């Protein structure tokens, strides 16, 4: 079981790295760096020169289809640049990380079948995670085929957060199998569970708003390319109120996380090490969220800031979930 715990933790870490790289892919515009899937320009590794890209595209068995549906492929067909090579490798590395994560989740599921078949609270989430990862891979192919249709990209991101939530659940439940005494001596403040549940719900709404806002801005660009005035679209009418709500809710969630962290830290040695660690993470991540959020407004949605905004949000979600799971474990041990 200890080996399975290490695999599960490795899967969580690699998934968080994948979320970061996926954010880089999106904000850099490298999402169509490889116009086909699962290969890249018909090769298992993309070419390293602009001329190599053009040659690979010319030899591609689906060349005509790619040229018909992909503006990027048509541009590369005429004049490939070194930027196209960089974008192809960024997307390729994103896919490689996805494959590694897939194998780690497969190994976690296999381990759950072998060692936790009588523990449905581990087995079934592991199987569900594997199925969702397979669906995520299929959805990734659809995202490429749709030329990064904004709503498809947003769904891809939301599903990634669902997967990381399941992985955290699995890793922590395996940890409790290895250390059954964990959380047994902890004494949490009253009302903490309600706070954590509301914060997780608020975070879910926050993520939906954030992904829809990002998708809306992508749709504005599409509308402009089609000759449609973005200001005449329904998305534009909802953009400012949704953006304002996103900012306010972000401050509320960050403030709530700090409040929960303070309640836990005050307990000192009566709280588990995991609870103390996640509490300090609340302070750091909440501050980052507020600072990056304001920087995004001030600097006009600077791409690299968007990546760290998304990534720190995903880590804050993980910290909140781990804290709630720790409290849940404590109640099981103390109340039966």
Protein backbone atom coordinates (compact mmCIF):
# COMPACT_ATOMS: atom_id res chain seq x y z
CA UNK A 1 0.00 0.00 0.00
CA UNK A 2 2.94 2.34 0.62
CA UNK A 3 4.08 1.91 -2.98
CA UNK A 4 0.57 2.68 -4.18
CA UNK A 5 0.57 5.83 -2.06
CA UNK A 6 3.78 7.01 -3.76
CA UNK A 7 2.29 6.39 -7.20
CA UNK A 8 -0.90 8.24 -6.28
CA UNK A 9 1.08 11.24 -4.97
CA UNK A 10 3.25 11.24 -8.11
CA UNK A 11 0.06 11.29 -10.20
CA UNK A 12 -1.21 14.33 -8.28
CA UNK A 13 2.08 16.22 -8.72
CA UNK A 14 2.30 15.44 -12.43
CA UNK A 15 -1.32 16.45 -12.96
CA UNK A 16 -0.66 19.82 -11.35
CA UNK A 17 2.35 20.27 -13.65
CA UNK A 18 0.13 19.31 -16.58
CA UNK A 19 -2.42 21.95 -15.58
CA UNK A 20 0.38 24.55 -15.53
CA UNK A 21 1.69 23.49 -18.95
CA UNK A 22 -1.85 23.39 -20.32
CA UNK A 23 -2.30 26.97 -19.14
CA UNK A 24 0.89 27.95 -20.96
CA UNK A 25 -0.39 26.26 -24.11
CA UNK A 26 -3.64 28.18 -23.98
CA UNK A 27 -2.32 31.68 -23.27
CA UNK A 28 0.60 31.33 -25.70
CA UNK A 29 -1.70 30.37 -28.53
CA UNK A 30 0.14 27.07 -29.01
CA UNK A 31 -3.00 24.95 -28.74
CA UNK A 32 -2.90 24.22 -32.47
CA UNK A 33 0.89 23.94 -32.59
CA UNK A 34 0.18 20.37 -33.66
CA UNK A 35 -2.82 20.49 -36.04
CA UNK A 36 -3.45 16.73 -35.76
CA UNK A 37 -3.81 14.27 -32.90
CA UNK A 38 -2.32 12.09 -31.42
CA UNK A 39 0.65 12.65 -33.77
CA UNK A 40 2.14 16.05 -34.56
CA UNK A 41 2.34 16.82 -38.30
CA UNK A 42 2.04 13.10 -38.86
CA UNK A 43 5.13 12.36 -36.73
CA UNK A 44 5.51 11.04 -33.19
CA UNK A 45 7.83 13.98 -32.49
CA UNK A 46 7.48 17.35 -34.26
CA UNK A 47 10.20 18.58 -36.65
CA UNK A 48 12.77 21.02 -35.28
CA UNK A 49 12.94 23.42 -38.25
CA UNK A 50 10.38 25.45 -40.24
CA UNK A 51 11.36 23.58 -43.38
CA UNK A 52 10.83 20.30 -41.55
CA UNK A 53 7.31 21.40 -40.57
CA UNK A 54 6.43 22.17 -44.18
CA UNK A 55 7.86 18.86 -45.41
CA UNK A 56 5.99 16.91 -42.72
CA UNK A 57 2.76 18.69 -43.64
CA UNK A 58 3.23 17.92 -47.33
CA UNK A 59 3.75 14.20 -46.55
CA UNK A 60 0.83 14.05 -44.10
CA UNK A 61 -1.78 11.47 -45.21
CA UNK A 62 -4.57 13.91 -44.25
CA UNK A 63 -2.87 16.98 -45.69
CA UNK A 64 -5.87 18.26 -47.63
CA UNK A 65 -8.21 17.87 -44.64
CA UNK A 66 -5.78 19.74 -42.36
CA UNK A 67 -5.42 22.57 -44.86
CA UNK A 68 -9.21 22.79 -45.23
CA UNK A 69 -10.01 23.07 -41.52
CA UNK A 70 -6.90 24.60 -39.94
CA UNK A 71 -5.83 28.22 -40.62
CA UNK A 72 -2.55 27.45 -38.83
CA UNK A 73 -1.83 24.55 -41.17
CA UNK A 74 -2.55 26.77 -44.18
CA UNK A 75 -0.17 29.43 -42.87
CA UNK A 76 2.57 26.87 -42.22
CA UNK A 77 1.99 25.42 -45.67
CA UNK A 78 2.83 28.82 -47.16
CA UNK A 79 5.42 30.18 -44.74
CA UNK A 80 6.45 28.23 -41.63
CA UNK A 81 8.46 30.13 -39.01
CA UNK A 82 10.57 29.26 -35.98
CA UNK A 83 7.62 30.36 -33.80
CA UNK A 84 5.56 27.57 -35.37
CA UNK A 85 8.31 25.11 -34.37
CA UNK A 86 8.27 26.41 -30.78
CA UNK A 87 4.47 26.18 -30.61
CA UNK A 88 4.56 22.62 -31.97
CA UNK A 89 7.01 21.57 -29.25
CA UNK A 90 5.05 23.34 -26.49
CA UNK A 91 1.93 21.43 -27.49
CA UNK A 92 3.92 18.23 -27.92
CA UNK A 93 5.39 18.52 -24.40
CA UNK A 94 1.86 19.11 -23.10
CA UNK A 95 0.79 15.86 -24.72
CA UNK A 96 3.81 13.99 -23.34
CA UNK A 97 2.93 15.12 -19.81
CA UNK A 98 -0.63 13.98 -20.50
CA UNK A 99 0.64 10.51 -21.45
CA UNK A 100 2.76 10.32 -18.26
CA UNK A 101 -0.23 11.34 -16.15
CA UNK A 102 -2.36 8.76 -17.94
CA UNK A 103 0.10 5.96 -17.14
CA UNK A 104 0.39 7.05 -13.50
CA UNK A 105 -3.40 7.04 -13.15
CA UNK A 106 -3.53 3.64 -14.87
CA UNK A 107 -0.95 2.36 -12.36
CA UNK A 108 -2.96 3.84 -9.47
CA UNK A 109 -6.12 2.14 -10.73
CA UNK A 110 -4.32 -1.18 -11.18
CA UNK A 111 -2.94 -0.89 -7.66
CA UNK A 112 -6.39 -0.09 -6.30
CA UNK A 113 -7.79 -3.21 -7.99
CA UNK A 114 -4.98 -5.33 -6.54
CA UNK A 115 -4.72 -3.92 -3.01
CA UNK A 116 -7.93 -2.00 -2.33
CA UNK A 117 -10.67 -4.08 -3.95
CA UNK A 118 -12.40 -4.34 -0.55
CA UNK A 119 -12.14 -0.59 -0.05
CA UNK A 120 -14.76 0.90 -2.38
CA UNK A 121 -13.92 4.44 -1.20
CA UNK A 122 -10.57 3.96 -3.00
CA UNK A 123 -11.41 1.47 -5.75
CA UNK A 124 -14.36 3.23 -7.40
CA UNK A 125 -12.86 6.74 -7.41
CA UNK A 126 -9.72 5.21 -8.99
CA UNK A 127 -11.77 3.56 -11.73
CA UNK A 128 -13.77 6.77 -12.26
CA UNK A 129 -10.54 8.76 -12.57
CA UNK A 130 -9.18 6.40 -15.22
CA UNK A 131 -12.40 6.62 -17.23
CA UNK A 132 -12.39 10.42 -16.99
CA UNK A 133 -8.77 10.56 -18.15
CA UNK A 134 -9.67 8.46 -21.19
CA UNK A 135 -12.59 10.79 -21.86
CA UNK A 136 -10.27 13.77 -21.37
CA UNK A 137 -7.91 12.37 -24.01
CA UNK A 138 -10.81 11.97 -26.45
CA UNK A 139 -12.00 15.47 -25.60
CA UNK A 140 -8.49 16.79 -26.25
CA UNK A 141 -8.68 15.39 -29.77
CA UNK A 142 -12.04 17.14 -30.24
CA UNK A 143 -10.54 20.41 -28.96
CA UNK A 144 -7.84 20.22 -31.65
CA UNK A 145 -10.37 19.24 -34.32
CA UNK A 146 -12.62 22.17 -33.35
CA UNK A 147 -9.72 24.65 -33.78
CA UNK A 148 -9.81 25.45 -30.04
CA UNK A 149 -13.52 26.25 -29.83
CA UNK A 150 -13.66 28.29 -26.57
CA UNK A 151 -16.39 26.34 -24.80
CA UNK A 152 -14.66 23.05 -25.59
CA UNK A 153 -11.41 24.40 -24.13
CA UNK A 154 -13.27 25.53 -20.99
CA UNK A 155 -14.86 22.10 -20.57
CA UNK A 156 -11.40 20.54 -20.97
CA UNK A 157 -10.13 22.69 -18.07
CA UNK A 158 -13.08 22.01 -15.77
CA UNK A 159 -12.71 18.27 -16.32
CA UNK A 160 -9.01 18.55 -15.39
CA UNK A 161 -10.02 20.04 -12.03
CA UNK A 162 -12.52 17.21 -11.47
CA UNK A 163 -9.74 14.71 -12.17
CA UNK A 164 -7.30 16.38 -9.76
CA UNK A 165 -10.03 16.40 -7.09
CA UNK A 166 -10.53 12.65 -7.47
CA UNK A 167 -6.78 12.06 -7.39
CA UNK A 168 -6.42 14.01 -4.15
CA UNK A 169 -9.26 11.99 -2.64
CA UNK A 170 -7.56 8.71 -3.65
CA UNK A 171 -4.11 9.76 -2.42
CA UNK A 172 -5.43 10.89 0.94
CA UNK A 173 -7.55 7.76 1.47
CA UNK A 174 -4.52 5.59 0.71
CA UNK A 175 -2.52 7.70 3.18
CA UNK A 176 -5.08 6.92 5.87
CA UNK A 177 -4.78 3.20 5.10
CA UNK A 178 -1.01 3.45 5.64
CA UNK A 179 -1.39 5.70 8.71
CA UNK A 180 -4.73 4.78 10.30
CA UNK A 181 -3.92 6.90 13.37
CA UNK A 182 -3.77 10.10 11.30
CA UNK A 183 -6.23 12.78 12.52
CA UNK A 184 -7.20 10.67 15.54
CA UNK A 185 -5.88 13.19 18.08
CA UNK A 186 -6.83 16.35 16.17
CA UNK A 187 -9.43 18.71 17.62
CA UNK A 188 -10.96 21.00 15.04
CA UNK A 189 -12.99 24.17 15.71
CA UNK A 190 -16.77 23.96 15.58
CA UNK A 191 -18.38 24.95 12.30
CA UNK A 192 -15.23 24.32 10.26
CA UNK A 193 -16.91 21.75 8.01
CA UNK A 194 -19.60 24.25 7.00
CA UNK A 195 -16.98 26.85 6.20
CA UNK A 196 -15.02 24.42 4.01
CA UNK A 197 -18.12 23.23 2.16
CA UNK A 198 -19.16 26.80 1.35
CA UNK A 199 -15.65 27.66 0.24
CA UNK A 200 -15.49 24.64 -2.06
CA UNK A 201 -18.90 25.54 -3.51
CA UNK A 202 -17.78 29.15 -3.98
CA UNK A 203 -14.61 27.95 -5.66
CA UNK A 204 -16.67 25.85 -8.08
CA UNK A 205 -18.73 28.88 -9.09
CA UNK A 206 -15.53 30.91 -9.34
CA UNK A 207 -13.98 28.40 -11.75
CA UNK A 208 -17.11 28.35 -13.92
CA UNK A 209 -17.14 32.13 -14.11
CA UNK A 210 -13.43 32.29 -14.86
CA UNK A 211 -13.54 29.73 -17.65
CA UNK A 212 -16.65 31.30 -19.18
CA UNK A 213 -15.02 34.75 -19.08
CA UNK A 214 -11.92 33.41 -20.75
CA UNK A 215 -14.06 31.63 -23.34
CA UNK A 216 -16.05 34.81 -23.92
CA UNK A 217 -12.91 36.80 -24.67
CA UNK A 218 -11.86 34.12 -27.15
CA UNK A 219 -15.30 34.34 -28.75
CA UNK A 220 -14.90 38.11 -29.08
CA UNK A 221 -11.78 37.50 -31.16
CA UNK A 222 -13.64 34.97 -33.32
CA UNK A 223 -16.54 37.38 -33.81
CA UNK A 224 -14.15 40.12 -34.84
CA UNK A 225 -12.49 37.82 -37.38
CA UNK A 226 -15.93 36.99 -38.81
CA UNK A 227 -16.76 40.66 -39.17
CA UNK A 228 -19.30 40.67 -36.33
CA UNK A 229 -19.15 43.52 -33.83
CA UNK A 230 -18.34 41.83 -30.46
CA UNK A 231 -20.30 44.58 -28.67
CA UNK A 232 -23.49 43.28 -30.31
CA UNK A 233 -23.16 39.79 -28.83
CA UNK A 234 -24.87 38.50 -25.68
CA UNK A 235 -21.47 37.55 -24.23
CA UNK A 236 -20.37 41.18 -24.34
CA UNK A 237 -23.45 42.30 -22.39
CA UNK A 238 -22.67 39.75 -19.68
CA UNK A 239 -18.91 40.31 -19.66
CA UNK A 240 -18.65 43.19 -17.19
CA UNK A 241 -21.18 41.95 -14.59
CA UNK A 242 -19.70 38.43 -14.75
CA UNK A 243 -16.18 39.85 -14.43
CA UNK A 244 -17.20 41.94 -11.42
CA UNK A 245 -18.83 38.93 -9.76
CA UNK A 246 -15.71 36.87 -10.49
CA UNK A 247 -13.51 39.44 -8.74
CA UNK A 248 -15.80 39.80 -5.71
CA UNK A 249 -16.24 36.05 -5.32
CA UNK A 250 -12.48 35.58 -5.63
CA UNK A 251 -11.89 37.98 -2.74
CA UNK A 252 -14.62 36.25 -0.68
CA UNK A 253 -13.13 32.77 -1.26
CA UNK A 254 -9.60 33.99 -0.56
CA UNK A 255 -10.74 35.79 2.59
CA UNK A 256 -12.71 32.75 3.73
CA UNK A 257 -9.66 30.53 3.23
CA UNK A 258 -7.57 32.89 5.37
CA UNK A 259 -10.28 32.87 8.06
CA UNK A 260 -10.34 29.06 8.11
CA UNK A 261 -6.54 28.95 8.20
CA UNK A 262 -6.44 31.28 11.21
CA UNK A 263 -9.02 29.19 13.08
CA UNK A 264 -6.89 26.08 12.51
CA UNK A 265 -3.48 27.63 13.26
CA UNK A 266 -4.79 28.89 16.62
CA UNK A 267 -5.29 25.27 17.64
CA UNK A 268 -1.53 24.68 17.46
CA UNK A 269 -0.46 21.16 18.44
CA UNK A 270 -4.05 19.96 18.71
CA UNK A 271 -4.23 19.91 14.88
CA UNK A 272 -2.53 17.45 12.53
CA UNK A 273 0.56 18.38 10.52
CA UNK A 274 -1.46 18.19 7.32
CA UNK A 275 -4.02 20.66 8.67
CA UNK A 276 -1.28 23.11 9.67
CA UNK A 277 0.42 22.77 6.28
CA UNK A 278 -2.78 23.39 4.33
CA UNK A 279 -3.58 26.35 6.60
CA UNK A 280 -0.29 28.06 5.77
CA UNK A 281 -0.99 27.24 2.12
CA UNK A 282 -4.32 29.09 2.49
CA UNK A 283 -2.49 32.26 3.56
CA UNK A 284 0.04 32.14 0.73
CA UNK A 285 -2.40 31.14 -2.02
CA UNK A 286 -5.08 33.61 -0.96
CA UNK A 287 -2.53 36.44 -1.08
CA UNK A 288 -1.35 35.26 -4.50
CA UNK A 289 -4.90 35.07 -5.82
CA UNK A 290 -5.69 38.63 -4.76
CA UNK A 291 -2.36 40.04 -6.00
CA UNK A 292 -2.51 38.26 -9.36
CA UNK A 293 -6.18 39.14 -9.81
CA UNK A 294 -5.46 42.84 -9.32
CA UNK A 295 -2.37 42.60 -11.55
CA UNK A 296 -4.53 41.10 -14.31
CA UNK A 297 -6.81 44.12 -14.15
CA UNK A 298 -3.89 46.57 -14.00
CA UNK A 299 -1.75 45.00 -16.75
CA UNK A 300 -4.65 43.99 -19.02
CA UNK A 301 -4.77 40.19 -18.78
CA UNK A 302 -1.04 39.57 -19.22
CA UNK A 303 -0.83 35.92 -20.44
CA UNK A 304 1.75 34.65 -17.93
CA UNK A 305 -0.31 36.11 -15.08
CA UNK A 306 -3.35 34.20 -16.35
CA UNK A 307 -1.34 30.97 -16.13
CA UNK A 308 -0.31 31.57 -12.51
CA UNK A 309 -3.84 32.74 -11.64
CA UNK A 310 -5.24 29.45 -12.90
CA UNK A 311 -2.52 27.35 -11.32
CA UNK A 312 -2.69 28.96 -7.88
CA UNK A 313 -6.49 28.56 -8.03
CA UNK A 314 -6.12 24.84 -8.72
CA UNK A 315 -3.66 24.46 -5.82
CA UNK A 316 -5.98 26.40 -3.48
CA UNK A 317 -8.80 24.06 -4.48
CA UNK A 318 -6.56 21.09 -3.61
CA UNK A 319 -5.66 22.58 -0.23
CA UNK A 320 -9.32 23.20 0.62
CA UNK A 321 -10.25 19.66 -0.42
CA UNK A 322 -7.43 18.10 1.61
CA UNK A 323 -8.47 20.10 4.66
CA UNK A 324 -12.09 18.99 4.30
CA UNK A 325 -11.01 15.36 3.88
CA UNK A 326 -8.87 15.63 7.01
CA UNK A 327 -11.83 16.97 8.99
CA UNK A 328 -14.04 14.22 7.58
CA UNK A 329 -11.49 11.59 8.72
CA UNK A 330 -11.33 13.14 12.16
CA UNK A 331 -15.11 12.94 12.55
CA UNK A 332 -15.11 9.27 11.47
CA UNK A 333 -12.54 8.44 14.15
CA UNK A 334 -13.99 10.51 16.97
CA UNK A 335 -17.71 9.96 16.37
CA UNK A 336 -17.68 6.50 14.82
